[in-house]
Amino acid sequence: GERVECKASGGWRAGSVVALRYREPSWPQGKTVPYQVLLDGGTCVYAPLDESRVVRRVRGSPARPPSYSLRLLLDLLFASLCGPVSADPASVGAAAARVRAAAAAGREAGAE
């Protein structure tokens, strides 16, 4: 996903967009937020607004977003790896570990 920084307590934290139009199962029908972000420390957060005061592209990242089909593929990949993710730390941590393992496996396959 696209590299971004999210405003958090204590300042800006870097991560990667892992889902677009994200929604929690407990939210009212139709409520979504623009992005779910996997922070570099392994925590999943969401950006409630698509505004530069909340989330911004990391300097040096490409200005052009991925194509729609690539974004859809990334959304589906994240959902298949993580399944439903609740807000409890154990669930989020387990989902982040599965994403990191899949990313590492992809890097190893690309090196062959």
Foldseek 3Di string as FASTA:
>chain_A
DFWKWFQDVVGTFIWAFQAAQDDAPPDPPPDGAGTWTQTPVQAIDTFRHPDVVGMGGDPPIDPDDDDPVVNVVSNVVLCVQLPHADPDPVSSNNSSVSVVVVVVVVVVVVVD
